[in-house]
Amino acid sequence: MDDPLIDVNPNNPVYTRDLTRAGMWSGVISRGKTLRLTDLAGGANVGVLLYHADVPTERYNLPDTLKGQHIFYLRHPYCLHSDMGRVLASITADTVGWHDTVCGCSDARLVAARYGENNYQAARNDWHRNARDCFLIELAKWSLGPRDLMPNLNLFSKVVADDAGRLTFVPSHSRPGGHVDLRFELNTLVVLNTCQHPLDPDSQFHPRPVRLEVFRTAPPGADDACRRSRPENERAFRNTEDYVTLRD
């Protein structure tokens, strides 16, 4: 499923990190690099927030991403749009095929109700984290806070809607070794955590391990699959390239 124009060398990442338990991570990934996330054990969920690193008031926009591409969920070859009509990232490879966009993240109340109280003093690193607090911890490292929270992505998780609009989580959607590649079109602050999906019916608290790898990649050409997947993506790529050209 990889676009042949994208030079992802799986043997030569410039950065690698494994997230275990309810792991969290943030960092700036520059334009011209690809982040590969791999579900190591199956059943993972990765909550994702994206911000333009140069101007953090520009960030991932859920409504524009969905309506501009006529989609409810994300997969290759779709793009992640900002609220300025630009492309933050493109999904250049995807063995999972469905990533939730609409269900948000867990908070302390939900985690306590579902899995029971279990604090750091009692359980040390096995304590029950929640996704909202993990996001806020990472955002604080970049001088961002609660007002900067927005609807997040849930990579590796599948949620379907019936005719009445009721949402149902699909267990075991992601298999061991499944991966998704995000190629960044702008310098992007990426904020992640591996807390379980808020609709995951599993009564046990056990977030699955995920591997992060960052690769240098070739810029997208005129016939790039993500660029050509929707007319709206073509326009967003032009907006992105105008911004980069004028800034360089």
Protein backbone atom coordinates (compact mmCIF):
# COMPACT_ATOMS: atom_id res chain seq x y z
CA MET A 1 0.00 0.00 0.00
CA ASP A 2 3.03 2.33 0.12
CA ASP A 3 3.12 5.08 -2.49
CA PRO A 4 6.11 4.28 -4.75
CA LEU A 5 7.22 7.91 -4.61
CA ILE A 6 7.69 7.80 -0.84
CA ASP A 7 11.18 6.68 0.11
CA VAL A 8 10.57 5.06 3.50
CA ASN A 9 13.54 2.89 4.42
CA PRO A 10 12.37 0.59 7.25
CA ASN A 11 15.99 -0.22 8.08
CA ASN A 12 17.13 3.36 8.60
CA PRO A 13 14.92 5.43 10.92
CA VAL A 14 16.39 8.67 12.27
CA TYR A 15 14.46 8.20 15.54
CA THR A 16 12.87 5.22 17.31
CA ARG A 17 10.90 5.02 20.54
CA ASP A 18 8.60 2.40 22.08
CA LEU A 19 5.63 3.53 24.16
CA THR A 20 4.50 1.05 26.79
CA ARG A 21 1.75 1.04 29.41
CA ALA A 22 -0.20 4.28 28.96
CA GLY A 23 2.74 5.92 27.26
CA MET A 24 2.82 9.52 26.08
CA TRP A 25 5.13 11.45 23.79
CA SER A 26 5.43 14.79 22.02
CA GLY A 27 7.89 16.27 19.57
CA VAL A 28 8.26 18.43 16.49
CA ILE A 29 8.54 16.45 13.27
CA SER A 30 9.66 18.59 10.37
CA ARG A 31 8.33 18.80 6.84
CA GLY A 32 9.93 16.06 4.77
CA LYS A 33 9.78 13.36 7.43
CA THR A 34 7.40 10.46 8.01
CA LEU A 35 6.24 9.07 11.34
CA ARG A 36 5.49 5.35 11.30
CA LEU A 37 3.41 4.03 14.20
CA THR A 38 3.33 0.25 14.64
CA ASP A 39 0.93 -1.73 16.83
CA LEU A 40 3.31 -4.24 18.41
CA ALA A 41 0.83 -6.56 20.11
CA GLY A 42 -2.52 -5.87 18.44
CA GLY A 43 -5.49 -3.90 19.76
CA ALA A 44 -3.58 -0.63 20.22
CA ASN A 45 -5.04 2.85 20.31
CA VAL A 46 -2.98 6.01 19.76
CA GLY A 47 -4.58 9.34 20.58
CA VAL A 48 -3.13 12.09 18.37
CA LEU A 49 -3.12 15.90 18.45
CA LEU A 50 -1.37 17.96 15.74
CA TYR A 51 -0.28 21.62 15.77
CA HIS A 52 1.68 23.68 13.25
CA ALA A 53 4.98 23.94 15.10
CA ASP A 54 5.83 27.38 13.67
CA VAL A 55 2.42 28.87 14.52
CA PRO A 56 0.72 26.63 17.14
CA THR A 57 -2.60 28.49 16.86
CA GLU A 58 -2.92 26.60 13.56
CA ARG A 59 -3.85 23.03 14.29
CA TYR A 60 -5.62 19.89 13.03
CA ASN A 61 -9.22 20.62 12.10
CA LEU A 62 -11.59 17.66 12.38
CA PRO A 63 -14.61 19.13 10.53
CA ASP A 64 -12.57 20.34 7.54
CA THR A 65 -10.66 17.06 7.34
CA LEU A 66 -13.88 15.04 7.19
CA LYS A 67 -16.15 17.23 5.08
CA GLY A 68 -13.44 18.17 2.58
CA GLN A 69 -12.72 14.51 1.84
CA HIS A 70 -16.29 13.18 2.29
CA ILE A 71 -15.19 10.70 4.97
CA PHE A 72 -16.07 9.55 8.49
CA TYR A 73 -12.79 7.81 9.27
CA LEU A 74 -9.19 8.09 8.08
CA ARG A 75 -7.03 5.75 6.01
CA HIS A 76 -4.56 5.92 3.12
CA PRO A 77 -4.55 8.06 0.94
CA TYR A 78 -6.34 10.76 2.95
CA CYS A 79 -4.86 13.89 4.53
CA LEU A 80 -5.08 15.72 7.85
CA HIS A 81 -6.11 19.33 7.26
CA SER A 82 -5.40 22.35 9.42
CA ASP A 83 -7.85 25.14 10.25
CA MET A 84 -5.97 27.36 7.76
CA GLY A 85 -6.77 25.18 4.76
CA ARG A 86 -3.35 23.54 4.64
CA VAL A 87 -2.18 19.93 4.96
CA LEU A 88 -0.38 19.07 8.18
CA ALA A 89 0.14 15.41 7.31
CA SER A 90 -0.74 12.78 4.72
CA ILE A 91 -1.41 9.09 5.31
CA THR A 92 1.03 7.56 2.85
CA ALA A 93 0.77 3.94 4.00
CA ASP A 94 -1.73 2.08 6.14
CA THR A 95 -2.16 -1.63 6.83
CA VAL A 96 -5.01 -1.05 9.30
CA GLY A 97 -7.51 0.66 7.00
CA TRP A 98 -9.74 2.49 9.49
CA HIS A 99 -8.84 5.08 12.13
CA ASP A 100 -11.44 6.74 14.37
CA THR A 101 -11.89 10.51 14.09
CA VAL A 102 -14.95 11.33 16.20
CA CYS A 103 -14.88 9.69 19.64
CA GLY A 104 -12.42 11.89 21.52
CA CYS A 105 -10.45 10.58 24.49
CA SER A 106 -10.84 9.18 27.98
CA ASP A 107 -10.76 11.35 31.09
CA ALA A 108 -10.16 10.60 34.77
CA ARG A 109 -13.83 9.98 35.56
CA LEU A 110 -14.29 7.48 32.72
CA VAL A 111 -11.11 5.57 33.58
CA ALA A 112 -12.00 5.35 37.28
CA ALA A 113 -15.53 4.16 36.51
CA ARG A 114 -14.42 1.52 34.02
CA TYR A 115 -11.19 0.21 35.54
CA GLY A 116 -11.34 1.28 39.18
CA GLU A 117 -9.20 3.67 41.18
CA ASN A 118 -5.48 2.92 40.92
CA ASN A 119 -3.06 5.77 41.63
CA TYR A 120 0.70 6.13 41.28
CA GLN A 121 1.33 5.76 45.00
CA ALA A 122 -0.29 2.31 44.93
CA ALA A 123 0.78 1.00 41.52
CA ARG A 124 3.77 3.09 40.44
CA ASN A 125 4.12 2.93 36.63
CA ASP A 126 1.14 0.61 36.29
CA TRP A 127 -1.29 3.23 37.60
CA HIS A 128 -4.38 4.12 35.58
CA ARG A 129 -3.67 7.10 33.36
CA ASN A 130 -6.28 8.79 31.20
CA ALA A 131 -5.79 10.29 27.76
CA ARG A 132 -6.92 13.83 28.58
CA ASP A 133 -4.39 14.23 31.37
CA CYS A 134 -1.67 12.66 29.21
CA PHE A 135 -2.39 15.20 26.49
CA LEU A 136 -2.24 18.06 28.99
CA ILE A 137 1.07 16.88 30.45
CA GLU A 138 2.66 16.83 27.01
CA LEU A 139 1.07 20.12 25.90
CA ALA A 140 2.47 21.87 28.99
CA LYS A 141 5.98 21.10 27.72
CA TRP A 142 5.24 23.37 24.76
CA SER A 143 3.52 26.19 26.71
CA LEU A 144 0.08 24.95 25.65
CA GLY A 145 -2.82 24.01 27.92
CA PRO A 146 -6.50 23.10 28.28
CA ARG A 147 -7.70 25.79 25.88
CA ASP A 148 -5.53 24.19 23.20
CA LEU A 149 -7.23 20.79 23.43
CA MET A 150 -9.28 19.84 20.37
CA PRO A 151 -10.92 16.72 18.93
CA ASN A 152 -8.18 14.11 18.63
CA LEU A 153 -7.58 11.21 16.29
CA ASN A 154 -7.61 7.62 17.54
CA LEU A 155 -5.26 5.69 15.29
CA PHE A 156 -5.70 1.90 15.07
CA SER A 157 -9.28 2.05 16.44
CA LYS A 158 -12.44 1.37 14.45
CA VAL A 159 -15.84 2.74 15.44
CA VAL A 160 -18.90 2.24 13.23
CA ALA A 161 -22.26 4.02 13.23
CA ASP A 162 -25.66 2.42 12.64
CA ASP A 163 -28.61 4.06 10.86
CA ALA A 164 -29.64 5.78 14.10
CA GLY A 165 -26.16 7.24 14.61
CA ARG A 166 -25.23 4.96 17.50
CA LEU A 167 -21.50 4.33 17.68
CA THR A 168 -20.01 0.88 18.29
CA PHE A 169 -16.37 0.06 18.98
CA VAL A 170 -14.95 -2.85 16.95
CA PRO A 171 -12.64 -4.95 19.18
CA SER A 172 -9.41 -6.47 17.82
CA HIS A 173 -9.52 -4.29 14.71
CA SER A 174 -5.77 -3.72 14.62
CA ARG A 175 -3.55 -6.78 14.33
CA PRO A 176 0.00 -7.22 15.66
CA GLY A 177 2.44 -5.49 13.33
CA GLY A 178 -0.15 -3.19 11.79
CA HIS A 179 1.23 0.23 10.96
CA VAL A 180 0.28 3.66 9.65
CA ASP A 181 2.62 6.25 8.11
CA LEU A 182 2.08 10.01 8.49
CA ARG A 183 4.16 12.16 6.13
CA PHE A 184 4.41 15.72 7.43
CA GLU A 185 3.84 18.56 4.97
CA LEU A 186 4.51 21.28 7.57
CA ASN A 187 6.71 21.37 10.67
CA THR A 188 4.29 19.78 13.11
CA LEU A 189 4.08 19.40 16.86
CA VAL A 190 2.84 15.85 17.39
CA VAL A 191 1.28 14.88 20.74
CA LEU A 192 0.54 11.20 21.40
CA ASN A 193 -0.65 8.81 24.07
CA THR A 194 -1.48 5.11 24.05
CA CYS A 195 -4.42 5.10 26.46
CA GLN A 196 -7.30 2.83 25.54
CA HIS A 197 -10.09 4.13 23.33
CA PRO A 198 -12.95 5.71 25.32
CA LEU A 199 -15.46 3.21 23.85
CA ASP A 200 -13.25 0.14 24.30
CA PRO A 201 -15.48 -2.29 26.26
CA ASP A 202 -12.52 -4.21 27.72
CA SER A 203 -12.91 -4.22 31.52
CA GLN A 204 -9.15 -4.54 32.05
CA PHE A 205 -6.77 -1.58 31.93
CA HIS A 206 -3.96 -2.65 29.64
CA PRO A 207 -2.91 -0.17 26.93
CA ARG A 208 -0.96 -1.91 24.17
CA PRO A 209 2.64 -1.10 23.19
CA VAL A 210 3.33 1.03 20.12
CA ARG A 211 6.58 1.76 18.27
CA LEU A 212 7.39 5.20 16.89
CA GLU A 213 9.84 5.52 13.99
CA VAL A 214 10.71 8.66 12.06
CA PHE A 215 12.16 8.52 8.53
CA ARG A 216 13.38 11.10 6.03
CA THR A 217 11.14 11.02 2.98
CA ALA A 218 11.03 12.49 -0.50
CA PRO A 219 8.62 15.40 -1.13
CA PRO A 220 5.31 14.55 -2.79
CA GLY A 221 5.17 14.87 -6.56
CA ALA A 222 2.33 16.12 -8.73
CA ASP A 223 0.92 12.59 -9.00
CA ASP A 224 1.16 11.84 -5.28
CA ALA A 225 -1.72 9.55 -4.24
CA CYS A 226 -2.69 11.66 -1.21
CA ARG A 227 -2.62 14.89 -3.17
CA ARG A 228 -4.80 13.44 -5.93
CA SER A 229 -7.26 11.57 -3.70
CA ARG A 230 -9.66 14.58 -3.50
CA PRO A 231 -9.85 17.99 -5.23
CA GLU A 232 -9.86 19.56 -1.76
CA ASN A 233 -6.51 17.93 -1.04
CA GLU A 234 -5.01 19.40 -4.21
CA ARG A 235 -6.09 22.88 -3.10
CA ALA A 236 -4.78 22.31 0.43
CA PHE A 237 -1.41 21.16 -0.92
CA ARG A 238 -1.18 24.34 -3.03
CA ASN A 239 -1.94 26.44 0.07
CA THR A 240 0.76 24.55 1.97
CA GLU A 241 3.34 24.99 -0.78
CA ASP A 242 2.56 28.71 -1.09
CA TYR A 243 3.16 29.11 2.65
CA VAL A 244 6.44 27.18 2.58
CA THR A 245 7.73 28.96 -0.55
CA LEU A 246 7.08 32.41 0.90
CA ARG A 247 8.63 31.46 4.26
CA ASP A 248 11.83 29.94 2.80
